[in-house]
C-alpha cells in the first residue's frame, strides 16, 4: 500500500466519484468532498472496499475560507497531501440576455475560483514535500464554445489558463498541473439533462442524445468514465514529472473538427 493522499472535490457523485474509485483502487487515501447527504457513507464504503483511509467534507466551495479549511483538514487528517483533483462544478444553460447574475457568479465561483483557492491552499504543503500533482477537470468547453453556456464556457476557459500558469510556477518544485477536458459523460447529472431537454424540445431521450448532446462528436458515444479516471491516475504518477501545463481532451473527436 502506498502512503499518498488525494483530495478530490465533488467526489461523491459523477465524474469525481469515478476518479475517487480509481484512486482508491490504486491505494491512495482519499479526502472526499461533496454535497450528497450520504457522502460520509459513500466515503466509508469505498474505504472499506479498498482498505484505505478516508475522510469526508461538505465544504462550501463558494467560500474561500471553507476551501482553505477543507485543505487544512485533509493535511491534518492524513499528514500530507499529494494530489489535488479540482473536479466540482455546476452548470446552467440560458441565453445571455436571460442569464441570472447569481447563476453566473456561482458558476464562476465554483468552476473557476475554487480551483484557484484550493490550488493556492495546497501549494505550501506540496512545495515542502517537493511533490504535488494538481489535476483540473475542465471540459471540452474549456477549448470550444457552445451557445447558451456563457458562464460555464468562461469558467472552463479560465481553468485552462490557470493550469498553464501553475505548471510554470510549480516546475522547480516537482508540482505539475494539468487539465482533463471531457466531452459528454453519462453521469446522473447528464441523465437529468437528457430528461429535461427531451421535455423542452419535445424530443425522445434518444433524439436528445443523438441530435443535441453527441451531435458535435465524431465518435457518437458518451465518454467512458474510466477513461477520465485512468487519465487522472496517469497524471498523478511519480513518473509524470514532465507532463505539465497540458490539457488532455477526451471528447470523442469534438475539438478535432
C-alpha atoms as a PDB file:
ATOM      1  CA  UNK A   1       0.000   0.000   0.000  1.00  0.00           C
ATOM      2  CA  UNK A   2       1.236   3.457  -0.864  1.00  0.00           C
ATOM      3  CA  UNK A   3       1.083   6.275   1.640  1.00  0.00           C
ATOM      4  CA  UNK A   4      -0.270   9.039  -0.562  1.00  0.00           C
ATOM      5  CA  UNK A   5      -3.372  11.141  -0.216  1.00  0.00           C
ATOM      6  CA  UNK A   6      -5.678  12.672  -2.806  1.00  0.00           C
ATOM      7  CA  UNK A   7      -8.238  15.399  -2.214  1.00  0.00           C
ATOM      8  CA  UNK A   8     -10.969  15.247  -4.847  1.00  0.00           C
ATOM      9  CA  UNK A   9     -13.681  17.895  -4.884  1.00  0.00           C
ATOM     10  CA  UNK A  10     -17.130  16.811  -5.958  1.00  0.00           C
ATOM     11  CA  UNK A  11     -16.148  13.192  -5.358  1.00  0.00           C
ATOM     12  CA  UNK A  12     -19.376  11.724  -4.022  1.00  0.00           C
ATOM     13  CA  UNK A  13     -21.102  11.590  -7.422  1.00  0.00           C
ATOM     14  CA  UNK A  14     -20.488  11.588 -11.171  1.00  0.00           C
ATOM     15  CA  UNK A  15     -17.024  12.083 -12.605  1.00  0.00           C
ATOM     16  CA  UNK A  16     -15.488  12.839  -9.221  1.00  0.00           C
ATOM     17  CA  UNK A  17     -16.751   9.586  -7.736  1.00  0.00           C
ATOM     18  CA  UNK A  18     -15.368   7.643 -10.686  1.00  0.00           C
ATOM     19  CA  UNK A  19     -11.971   9.274 -10.202  1.00  0.00           C
ATOM     20  CA  UNK A  20     -12.098   8.618  -6.466  1.00  0.00           C
ATOM     21  CA  UNK A  21     -12.800   4.925  -7.006  1.00  0.00           C
ATOM     22  CA  UNK A  22      -9.815   4.621  -9.308  1.00  0.00           C
ATOM     23  CA  UNK A  23      -7.510   6.375  -6.850  1.00  0.00           C
ATOM     24  CA  UNK A  24      -8.819   4.135  -4.063  1.00  0.00           C
ATOM     25  CA  UNK A  25      -8.121   1.091  -6.216  1.00  0.00           C
ATOM     26  CA  UNK A  26      -4.546   2.322  -6.601  1.00  0.00           C
ATOM     27  CA  UNK A  27      -4.207   2.571  -2.815  1.00  0.00           C
ATOM     28  CA  UNK A  28      -4.480   6.327  -2.267  1.00  0.00           C
ATOM     29  CA  UNK A  29      -6.054   7.616   0.916  1.00  0.00           C
ATOM     30  CA  UNK A  30      -8.846   9.978  -0.084  1.00  0.00           C
ATOM     31  CA  UNK A  31     -10.356  13.170   1.232  1.00  0.00           C
ATOM     32  CA  UNK A  32     -13.857  13.039  -0.209  1.00  0.00           C
ATOM     33  CA  UNK A  33     -15.917  16.140  -0.780  1.00  0.00           C
ATOM     34  CA  UNK A  34     -19.475  16.682  -1.965  1.00  0.00           C
ATOM     35  CA  UNK A  35     -22.975  17.796  -1.120  1.00  0.00           C
ATOM     36  CA  UNK A  36     -24.687  14.404  -1.043  1.00  0.00           C
ATOM     37  CA  UNK A  37     -26.466  13.757   2.252  1.00  0.00           C
ATOM     38  CA  UNK A  38     -24.918  10.272   2.383  1.00  0.00           C
ATOM     39  CA  UNK A  39     -21.445  11.464   1.441  1.00  0.00           C
ATOM     40  CA  UNK A  40     -19.837  10.064   4.577  1.00  0.00           C
ATOM     41  CA  UNK A  41     -21.384   6.661   3.859  1.00  0.00           C
ATOM     42  CA  UNK A  42     -20.087   6.759   0.285  1.00  0.00           C
ATOM     43  CA  UNK A  43     -16.585   7.532   1.549  1.00  0.00           C
ATOM     44  CA  UNK A  44     -16.737   4.847   4.232  1.00  0.00           C
ATOM     45  CA  UNK A  45     -17.933   2.193   1.786  1.00  0.00           C
ATOM     46  CA  UNK A  46     -15.075   2.877  -0.608  1.00  0.00           C
ATOM     47  CA  UNK A  47     -12.608   2.958   2.276  1.00  0.00           C
ATOM     48  CA  UNK A  48     -13.738  -0.485   3.430  1.00  0.00           C
ATOM     49  CA  UNK A  49     -13.785  -1.911  -0.092  1.00  0.00           C
ATOM     50  CA  UNK A  50     -10.219  -0.866  -0.905  1.00  0.00           C
ATOM     51  CA  UNK A  51      -8.745  -0.838   2.613  1.00  0.00           C
ATOM     52  CA  UNK A  52      -7.751   2.815   2.523  1.00  0.00           C
ATOM     53  CA  UNK A  53      -8.155   5.732   4.920  1.00  0.00           C
ATOM     54  CA  UNK A  54     -10.919   8.188   4.048  1.00  0.00           C
ATOM     55  CA  UNK A  55     -12.476  11.372   5.313  1.00  0.00           C
ATOM     56  CA  UNK A  56     -15.373  13.492   4.057  1.00  0.00           C
ATOM     57  CA  UNK A  57     -16.301  17.172   3.955  1.00  0.00           C
ATOM     58  CA  UNK A  58     -19.284  19.194   2.787  1.00  0.00           C
ATOM     59  CA  UNK A  59     -17.221  22.373   2.451  1.00  0.00           C
ATOM     60  CA  UNK A  60     -18.998  25.184   0.606  1.00  0.00           C
ATOM     61  CA  UNK A  61     -16.818  25.934  -2.415  1.00  0.00           C
ATOM     62  CA  UNK A  62     -18.463  29.333  -2.792  1.00  0.00           C
ATOM     63  CA  UNK A  63     -16.400  30.451   0.206  1.00  0.00           C
ATOM     64  CA  UNK A  64     -12.614  30.790   0.027  1.00  0.00           C
ATOM     65  CA  UNK A  65     -12.302  30.272   3.795  1.00  0.00           C
ATOM     66  CA  UNK A  66     -14.195  26.978   3.565  1.00  0.00           C
ATOM     67  CA  UNK A  67     -11.852  25.780   0.821  1.00  0.00           C
ATOM     68  CA  UNK A  68      -8.805  26.663   2.914  1.00  0.00           C
ATOM     69  CA  UNK A  69     -10.320  24.741   5.830  1.00  0.00           C
ATOM     70  CA  UNK A  70     -11.003  21.754   3.571  1.00  0.00           C
ATOM     71  CA  UNK A  71      -7.357  21.575   2.517  1.00  0.00           C
ATOM     72  CA  UNK A  72      -6.129  22.032   6.091  1.00  0.00           C
ATOM     73  CA  UNK A  73      -8.460  19.279   7.279  1.00  0.00           C
ATOM     74  CA  UNK A  74      -7.086  16.914   4.630  1.00  0.00           C
ATOM     75  CA  UNK A  75      -3.480  17.616   5.623  1.00  0.00           C
ATOM     76  CA  UNK A  76      -4.221  17.379   9.347  1.00  0.00           C
ATOM     77  CA  UNK A  77      -6.139  14.117   8.909  1.00  0.00           C
ATOM     78  CA  UNK A  78      -3.665  12.279   6.681  1.00  0.00           C
ATOM     79  CA  UNK A  79      -0.416  14.079   7.470  1.00  0.00           C
ATOM     80  CA  UNK A  80       0.239  15.025   3.855  1.00  0.00           C
ATOM     81  CA  UNK A  81      -1.478  15.798   0.583  1.00  0.00           C
ATOM     82  CA  UNK A  82      -0.019  14.690  -2.737  1.00  0.00           C
ATOM     83  CA  UNK A  83      -2.799  15.032  -5.291  1.00  0.00           C
ATOM     84  CA  UNK A  84      -5.487  17.681  -5.679  1.00  0.00           C
ATOM     85  CA  UNK A  85      -8.239  16.997  -8.192  1.00  0.00           C
ATOM     86  CA  UNK A  86     -10.349  20.096  -8.783  1.00  0.00           C
ATOM     87  CA  UNK A  87     -13.451  18.421 -10.126  1.00  0.00           C
ATOM     88  CA  UNK A  88     -16.525  20.045  -8.570  1.00  0.00           C
ATOM     89  CA  UNK A  89     -18.679  22.031 -10.965  1.00  0.00           C
ATOM     90  CA  UNK A  90     -22.166  23.311 -11.649  1.00  0.00           C
ATOM     91  CA  UNK A  91     -23.991  24.224 -14.851  1.00  0.00           C
ATOM     92  CA  UNK A  92     -26.798  26.493 -16.000  1.00  0.00           C
ATOM     93  CA  UNK A  93     -27.975  26.993 -19.573  1.00  0.00           C
ATOM     94  CA  UNK A  94     -29.626  30.193 -20.779  1.00  0.00           C
ATOM     95  CA  UNK A  95     -29.351  32.890 -23.457  1.00  0.00           C
ATOM     96  CA  UNK A  96     -27.154  35.685 -22.112  1.00  0.00           C
ATOM     97  CA  UNK A  97     -29.996  38.207 -22.064  1.00  0.00           C
ATOM     98  CA  UNK A  98     -31.897  35.979 -19.616  1.00  0.00           C
ATOM     99  CA  UNK A  99     -28.913  34.623 -17.677  1.00  0.00           C
ATOM    100  CA  UNK A 100     -29.412  35.341 -13.949  1.00  0.00           C
ATOM    101  CA  UNK A 101     -26.490  37.228 -12.425  1.00  0.00           C
ATOM    102  CA  UNK A 102     -26.414  34.975  -9.382  1.00  0.00           C
ATOM    103  CA  UNK A 103     -26.169  31.867 -11.581  1.00  0.00           C
ATOM    104  CA  UNK A 104     -23.265  33.417 -13.480  1.00  0.00           C
ATOM    105  CA  UNK A 105     -21.473  34.386 -10.276  1.00  0.00           C
ATOM    106  CA  UNK A 106     -21.916  30.942  -8.689  1.00  0.00           C
ATOM    107  CA  UNK A 107     -20.683  29.113 -11.781  1.00  0.00           C
ATOM    108  CA  UNK A 108     -17.567  31.300 -11.917  1.00  0.00           C
ATOM    109  CA  UNK A 109     -17.035  30.827  -8.183  1.00  0.00           C
ATOM    110  CA  UNK A 110     -17.311  27.033  -8.084  1.00  0.00           C
ATOM    111  CA  UNK A 111     -15.973  26.096 -11.534  1.00  0.00           C
ATOM    112  CA  UNK A 112     -13.042  28.515 -11.614  1.00  0.00           C
ATOM    113  CA  UNK A 113     -12.409  30.492  -8.428  1.00  0.00           C
ATOM    114  CA  UNK A 114     -12.477  27.364  -6.263  1.00  0.00           C
ATOM    115  CA  UNK A 115      -9.697  25.901  -8.416  1.00  0.00           C
ATOM    116  CA  UNK A 116      -7.548  28.928  -7.562  1.00  0.00           C
ATOM    117  CA  UNK A 117      -8.290  28.864  -3.838  1.00  0.00           C
ATOM    118  CA  UNK A 118      -7.733  25.107  -3.485  1.00  0.00           C
ATOM    119  CA  UNK A 119      -4.511  25.168  -5.522  1.00  0.00           C
ATOM    120  CA  UNK A 120      -3.215  28.111  -3.511  1.00  0.00           C
ATOM    121  CA  UNK A 121      -4.054  26.319  -0.268  1.00  0.00           C
ATOM    122  CA  UNK A 122      -2.168  23.113  -1.174  1.00  0.00           C
ATOM    123  CA  UNK A 123       0.864  24.896  -2.601  1.00  0.00           C
ATOM    124  CA  UNK A 124       2.857  25.281   0.621  1.00  0.00           C
ATOM    125  CA  UNK A 125       2.467  21.596   1.513  1.00  0.00           C
ATOM    126  CA  UNK A 126       3.379  20.440  -1.989  1.00  0.00           C
ATOM    127  CA  UNK A 127       6.475  22.662  -2.035  1.00  0.00           C
ATOM    128  CA  UNK A 128       7.517  21.376   1.383  1.00  0.00           C
ATOM    129  CA  UNK A 129       7.378  17.740   0.267  1.00  0.00           C
ATOM    130  CA  UNK A 130       8.820  18.557  -3.195  1.00  0.00           C
ATOM    131  CA  UNK A 131       5.936  16.732  -4.825  1.00  0.00           C
ATOM    132  CA  UNK A 132       2.499  17.716  -5.996  1.00  0.00           C
ATOM    133  CA  UNK A 133       0.008  16.801  -8.682  1.00  0.00           C
ATOM    134  CA  UNK A 134      -2.830  19.224  -9.415  1.00  0.00           C
ATOM    135  CA  UNK A 135      -5.404  17.900 -11.857  1.00  0.00           C
ATOM    136  CA  UNK A 136      -8.149  20.226 -13.024  1.00  0.00           C
ATOM    137  CA  UNK A 137     -11.263  18.713 -14.549  1.00  0.00           C
ATOM    138  CA  UNK A 138     -12.110  21.316 -17.152  1.00  0.00           C
ATOM    139  CA  UNK A 139     -14.248  20.412 -20.166  1.00  0.00           C
ATOM    140  CA  UNK A 140     -14.277  20.405 -23.923  1.00  0.00           C
ATOM    141  CA  UNK A 141     -15.937  23.758 -23.246  1.00  0.00           C
ATOM    142  CA  UNK A 142     -12.548  24.901 -22.000  1.00  0.00           C
ATOM    143  CA  UNK A 143     -11.431  24.519 -25.618  1.00  0.00           C
ATOM    144  CA  UNK A 144     -14.620  25.130 -27.580  1.00  0.00           C
ATOM    145  CA  UNK A 145     -17.784  27.156 -27.015  1.00  0.00           C
ATOM    146  CA  UNK A 146     -21.475  26.325 -27.210  1.00  0.00           C
ATOM    147  CA  UNK A 147     -24.356  28.731 -27.225  1.00  0.00           C
ATOM    148  CA  UNK A 148     -26.285  29.465 -24.002  1.00  0.00           C
ATOM    149  CA  UNK A 149     -23.373  28.446 -21.761  1.00  0.00           C
ATOM    150  CA  UNK A 150     -21.618  31.791 -21.311  1.00  0.00           C
ATOM    151  CA  UNK A 151     -20.715  31.312 -17.645  1.00  0.00           C
ATOM    152  CA  UNK A 152     -19.635  27.683 -17.945  1.00  0.00           C
ATOM    153  CA  UNK A 153     -17.505  28.247 -21.049  1.00  0.00           C
ATOM    154  CA  UNK A 154     -15.893  31.312 -19.473  1.00  0.00           C
ATOM    155  CA  UNK A 155     -15.043  29.422 -16.296  1.00  0.00           C
ATOM    156  CA  UNK A 156     -13.657  26.375 -18.081  1.00  0.00           C
ATOM    157  CA  UNK A 157     -11.507  28.509 -20.394  1.00  0.00           C
ATOM    158  CA  UNK A 158     -10.216  30.254 -17.268  1.00  0.00           C
ATOM    159  CA  UNK A 159      -9.249  26.939 -15.708  1.00  0.00           C
ATOM    160  CA  UNK A 160      -7.155  26.095 -18.781  1.00  0.00           C
ATOM    161  CA  UNK A 161      -5.263  29.381 -18.423  1.00  0.00           C
ATOM    162  CA  UNK A 162      -4.751  28.838 -14.705  1.00  0.00           C
ATOM    163  CA  UNK A 163      -3.461  25.329 -15.384  1.00  0.00           C
ATOM    164  CA  UNK A 164      -0.705  26.725 -17.596  1.00  0.00           C
ATOM    165  CA  UNK A 165       0.362  29.322 -15.027  1.00  0.00           C
ATOM    166  CA  UNK A 166       0.504  26.819 -12.161  1.00  0.00           C
ATOM    167  CA  UNK A 167       2.534  24.441 -14.324  1.00  0.00           C
ATOM    168  CA  UNK A 168       5.146  27.142 -14.836  1.00  0.00           C
ATOM    169  CA  UNK A 169       5.249  28.147 -11.185  1.00  0.00           C
ATOM    170  CA  UNK A 170       5.361  24.567  -9.926  1.00  0.00           C
ATOM    171  CA  UNK A 171       8.014  23.134 -12.229  1.00  0.00           C
ATOM    172  CA  UNK A 172      11.018  23.680  -9.959  1.00  0.00           C
ATOM    173  CA  UNK A 173       9.166  22.158  -7.005  1.00  0.00           C
ATOM    174  CA  UNK A 174       8.072  18.954  -8.781  1.00  0.00           C
ATOM    175  CA  UNK A 175       4.494  20.238  -8.758  1.00  0.00           C
ATOM    176  CA  UNK A 176       2.687  19.527 -12.002  1.00  0.00           C
ATOM    177  CA  UNK A 177      -0.637  20.924 -13.107  1.00  0.00           C
ATOM    178  CA  UNK A 178      -2.712  19.541 -15.957  1.00  0.00           C
ATOM    179  CA  UNK A 179      -6.301  19.680 -17.136  1.00  0.00           C
ATOM    180  CA  UNK A 180      -8.639  16.958 -18.326  1.00  0.00           C
ATOM    181  CA  UNK A 181     -11.276  18.168 -20.775  1.00  0.00           C
ATOM    182  CA  UNK A 182     -14.103  15.654 -21.201  1.00  0.00           C
ATOM    183  CA  UNK A 183     -16.963  15.774 -23.627  1.00  0.00           C
ATOM    184  CA  UNK A 184     -20.316  14.420 -22.504  1.00  0.00           C
ATOM    185  CA  UNK A 185     -20.071  11.723 -19.833  1.00  0.00           C
ATOM    186  CA  UNK A 186     -23.206   9.804 -18.853  1.00  0.00           C
ATOM    187  CA  UNK A 187     -23.363  10.786 -15.206  1.00  0.00           C
ATOM    188  CA  UNK A 188     -26.555  11.241 -13.156  1.00  0.00           C
ATOM    189  CA  UNK A 189     -26.294  14.971 -13.870  1.00  0.00           C
ATOM    190  CA  UNK A 190     -26.261  14.409 -17.631  1.00  0.00           C
ATOM    191  CA  UNK A 191     -29.055  11.865 -17.406  1.00  0.00           C
ATOM    192  CA  UNK A 192     -31.142  14.560 -15.742  1.00  0.00           C
ATOM    193  CA  UNK A 193     -30.269  16.993 -18.536  1.00  0.00           C
ATOM    194  CA  UNK A 194     -31.391  14.433 -21.120  1.00  0.00           C
ATOM    195  CA  UNK A 195     -34.816  14.206 -19.497  1.00  0.00           C
ATOM    196  CA  UNK A 196     -35.137  17.989 -19.180  1.00  0.00           C
ATOM    197  CA  UNK A 197     -34.127  18.631 -22.783  1.00  0.00           C
ATOM    198  CA  UNK A 198     -36.465  15.922 -24.040  1.00  0.00           C
ATOM    199  CA  UNK A 199     -39.360  17.781 -22.426  1.00  0.00           C
ATOM    200  CA  UNK A 200     -38.165  21.215 -23.520  1.00  0.00           C
ATOM    201  CA  UNK A 201     -37.619  20.248 -27.169  1.00  0.00           C
ATOM    202  CA  UNK A 202     -40.448  17.727 -27.422  1.00  0.00           C
ATOM    203  CA  UNK A 203     -37.979  15.006 -28.350  1.00  0.00           C
ATOM    204  CA  UNK A 204     -37.426  11.476 -27.190  1.00  0.00           C
ATOM    205  CA  UNK A 205     -34.447  10.963 -24.905  1.00  0.00           C
ATOM    206  CA  UNK A 206     -32.655   9.059 -27.687  1.00  0.00           C
ATOM    207  CA  UNK A 207     -33.162  12.031 -30.014  1.00  0.00           C
ATOM    208  CA  UNK A 208     -31.677  14.393 -27.432  1.00  0.00           C
ATOM    209  CA  UNK A 209     -28.577  12.223 -27.162  1.00  0.00           C
ATOM    210  CA  UNK A 210     -28.194  11.933 -30.951  1.00  0.00           C
ATOM    211  CA  UNK A 211     -29.238  15.398 -32.136  1.00  0.00           C
ATOM    212  CA  UNK A 212     -28.136  17.594 -29.239  1.00  0.00           C
ATOM    213  CA  UNK A 213     -25.524  16.090 -26.965  1.00  0.00           C
ATOM    214  CA  UNK A 214     -23.420  13.949 -29.308  1.00  0.00           C
ATOM    215  CA  UNK A 215     -24.070  15.931 -32.461  1.00  0.00           C
ATOM    216  CA  UNK A 216     -20.637  17.601 -32.431  1.00  0.00           C
ATOM    217  CA  UNK A 217     -18.673  14.461 -31.562  1.00  0.00           C
ATOM    218  CA  UNK A 218     -17.083  12.347 -34.278  1.00  0.00           C
ATOM    219  CA  UNK A 219     -17.431   9.250 -32.102  1.00  0.00           C
ATOM    220  CA  UNK A 220     -21.128   9.043 -31.267  1.00  0.00           C
ATOM    221  CA  UNK A 221     -20.669   7.670 -27.772  1.00  0.00           C
ATOM    222  CA  UNK A 222     -20.541   9.146 -24.311  1.00  0.00           C
ATOM    223  CA  UNK A 223     -17.002   9.478 -22.985  1.00  0.00           C
ATOM    224  CA  UNK A 224     -16.330   6.495 -20.671  1.00  0.00           C
ATOM    225  CA  UNK A 225     -15.841   7.480 -17.055  1.00  0.00           C
ATOM    226  CA  UNK A 226     -12.967   5.004 -16.822  1.00  0.00           C
ATOM    227  CA  UNK A 227     -11.054   6.925 -19.498  1.00  0.00           C
ATOM    228  CA  UNK A 228     -11.154  10.089 -17.394  1.00  0.00           C
ATOM    229  CA  UNK A 229     -10.199   8.243 -14.209  1.00  0.00           C
ATOM    230  CA  UNK A 230      -7.327   6.452 -15.963  1.00  0.00           C
ATOM    231  CA  UNK A 231      -6.001   9.770 -17.260  1.00  0.00           C
ATOM    232  CA  UNK A 232      -6.102  11.233 -13.762  1.00  0.00           C
ATOM    233  CA  UNK A 233      -4.116   8.281 -12.422  1.00  0.00           C
ATOM    234  CA  UNK A 234      -1.502   8.735 -15.145  1.00  0.00           C
ATOM    235  CA  UNK A 235      -1.102  12.423 -14.341  1.00  0.00           C
ATOM    236  CA  UNK A 236      -0.702  11.653 -10.633  1.00  0.00           C
ATOM    237  CA  UNK A 237       2.209   9.236 -11.095  1.00  0.00           C
ATOM    238  CA  UNK A 238       5.716   9.955  -9.834  1.00  0.00           C
ATOM    239  CA  UNK A 239       6.966   9.407 -13.376  1.00  0.00           C
ATOM    240  CA  UNK A 240       4.728  12.146 -14.810  1.00  0.00           C
ATOM    241  CA  UNK A 241       7.010  14.996 -13.729  1.00  0.00           C
ATOM    242  CA  UNK A 242       7.466  16.275 -17.281  1.00  0.00           C
ATOM    243  CA  UNK A 243       3.762  16.129 -18.120  1.00  0.00           C
ATOM    244  CA  UNK A 244       2.591  19.570 -17.070  1.00  0.00           C
ATOM    245  CA  UNK A 245       0.670  22.562 -18.371  1.00  0.00           C
ATOM    246  CA  UNK A 246      -1.240  20.351 -20.788  1.00  0.00           C
ATOM    247  CA  UNK A 247      -4.947  19.962 -21.479  1.00  0.00           C
ATOM    248  CA  UNK A 248      -5.986  16.423 -22.343  1.00  0.00           C
ATOM    249  CA  UNK A 249      -9.159  16.474 -24.418  1.00  0.00           C
ATOM    250  CA  UNK A 250     -11.321  13.352 -24.110  1.00  0.00           C
ATOM    251  CA  UNK A 251     -14.281  14.369 -26.243  1.00  0.00           C
ATOM    252  CA  UNK A 252     -14.844  11.766 -28.936  1.00  0.00           C
ATOM    253  CA  UNK A 253     -13.220  13.992 -31.553  1.00  0.00           C
ATOM    254  CA  UNK A 254     -15.397  17.061 -30.947  1.00  0.00           C
ATOM    255  CA  UNK A 255     -12.480  19.509 -30.736  1.00  0.00           C
ATOM    256  CA  UNK A 256     -10.738  17.924 -33.722  1.00  0.00           C
ATOM    257  CA  UNK A 257     -13.353  19.286 -36.105  1.00  0.00           C
END
